[in-house]
Protein backbone atom coordinates (compact mmCIF):
# COMPACT_ATOMS: atom_id res chain seq x y z
CA UNK A 1 -35.89 56.06 -20.80
CA UNK A 2 -39.46 55.89 -22.25
CA UNK A 3 -41.47 52.77 -22.66
CA UNK A 4 -43.90 53.46 -25.54
CA UNK A 5 -47.55 52.71 -25.13
CA UNK A 6 -47.31 50.38 -28.14
CA UNK A 7 -44.52 48.20 -26.61
CA UNK A 8 -45.84 44.69 -26.10
CA UNK A 9 -46.35 43.34 -22.55
CA UNK A 10 -43.66 40.77 -23.28
CA UNK A 11 -41.02 43.28 -24.46
CA UNK A 12 -41.82 45.56 -21.42
CA UNK A 13 -41.48 42.57 -19.10
CA UNK A 14 -38.07 41.54 -20.57
CA UNK A 15 -36.86 45.16 -20.41
CA UNK A 16 -37.88 45.62 -16.79
CA UNK A 17 -36.45 42.30 -15.66
CA UNK A 18 -33.15 43.33 -17.22
CA UNK A 19 -33.13 46.67 -15.50
CA UNK A 20 -33.98 45.15 -12.16
CA UNK A 21 -31.34 42.46 -12.62
CA UNK A 22 -28.64 45.10 -13.52
CA UNK A 23 -29.63 47.33 -10.63
CA UNK A 24 -29.42 44.52 -8.17
CA UNK A 25 -26.17 43.32 -9.46
CA UNK A 26 -24.55 46.66 -9.42
CA UNK A 27 -25.69 47.38 -5.88
CA UNK A 28 -25.44 43.83 -4.60
CA UNK A 29 -28.47 44.25 -2.46
CA UNK A 30 -29.65 40.71 -1.69
CA UNK A 31 -32.26 41.91 0.90
CA UNK A 32 -34.34 43.69 -1.72
CA UNK A 33 -34.00 40.99 -4.32
CA UNK A 34 -37.03 39.13 -3.01
CA UNK A 35 -38.95 42.35 -2.65
CA UNK A 36 -38.32 43.17 -6.30
CA UNK A 37 -39.31 39.66 -7.41
CA UNK A 38 -42.63 39.96 -5.52
CA UNK A 39 -43.32 43.27 -7.08
CA UNK A 40 -42.66 41.83 -10.59
CA UNK A 41 -45.06 39.08 -9.91
CA UNK A 42 -47.79 41.43 -8.71
CA UNK A 43 -47.50 43.76 -11.69
CA UNK A 44 -47.45 40.91 -14.27
CA UNK A 45 -47.01 43.61 -16.85
CA UNK A 46 -50.74 43.94 -17.74
CA UNK A 47 -50.83 47.56 -16.68
CA UNK A 48 -49.96 50.55 -18.74
CA UNK A 49 -46.32 51.16 -19.78
CA UNK A 50 -46.23 54.25 -17.55
CA UNK A 51 -46.76 52.08 -14.47
CA UNK A 52 -43.86 49.82 -15.45
CA UNK A 53 -41.77 52.95 -16.17
CA UNK A 54 -42.53 54.24 -12.70
CA UNK A 55 -41.43 50.91 -11.16
CA UNK A 56 -38.21 51.06 -13.19
CA UNK A 57 -37.53 54.52 -11.93
CA UNK A 58 -38.14 53.46 -8.31
CA UNK A 59 -35.81 50.55 -8.74
CA UNK A 60 -33.14 52.82 -10.24
CA UNK A 61 -33.35 55.32 -7.42
CA UNK A 62 -32.72 52.61 -4.70
């Protein structure tokens, strides 16, 4: 999946939250849920789309 550089921060945020939620639901890992939520709060989606894409990949690997 590629998040384009022109994607708005809002759209990137919604997409990332959806992927995180699906990953957590599929794995049923409650212990990492708080960790992911803190990470989402830190990023705040003001960085480049590549940074968000890297976080999505990290979440998918877990």
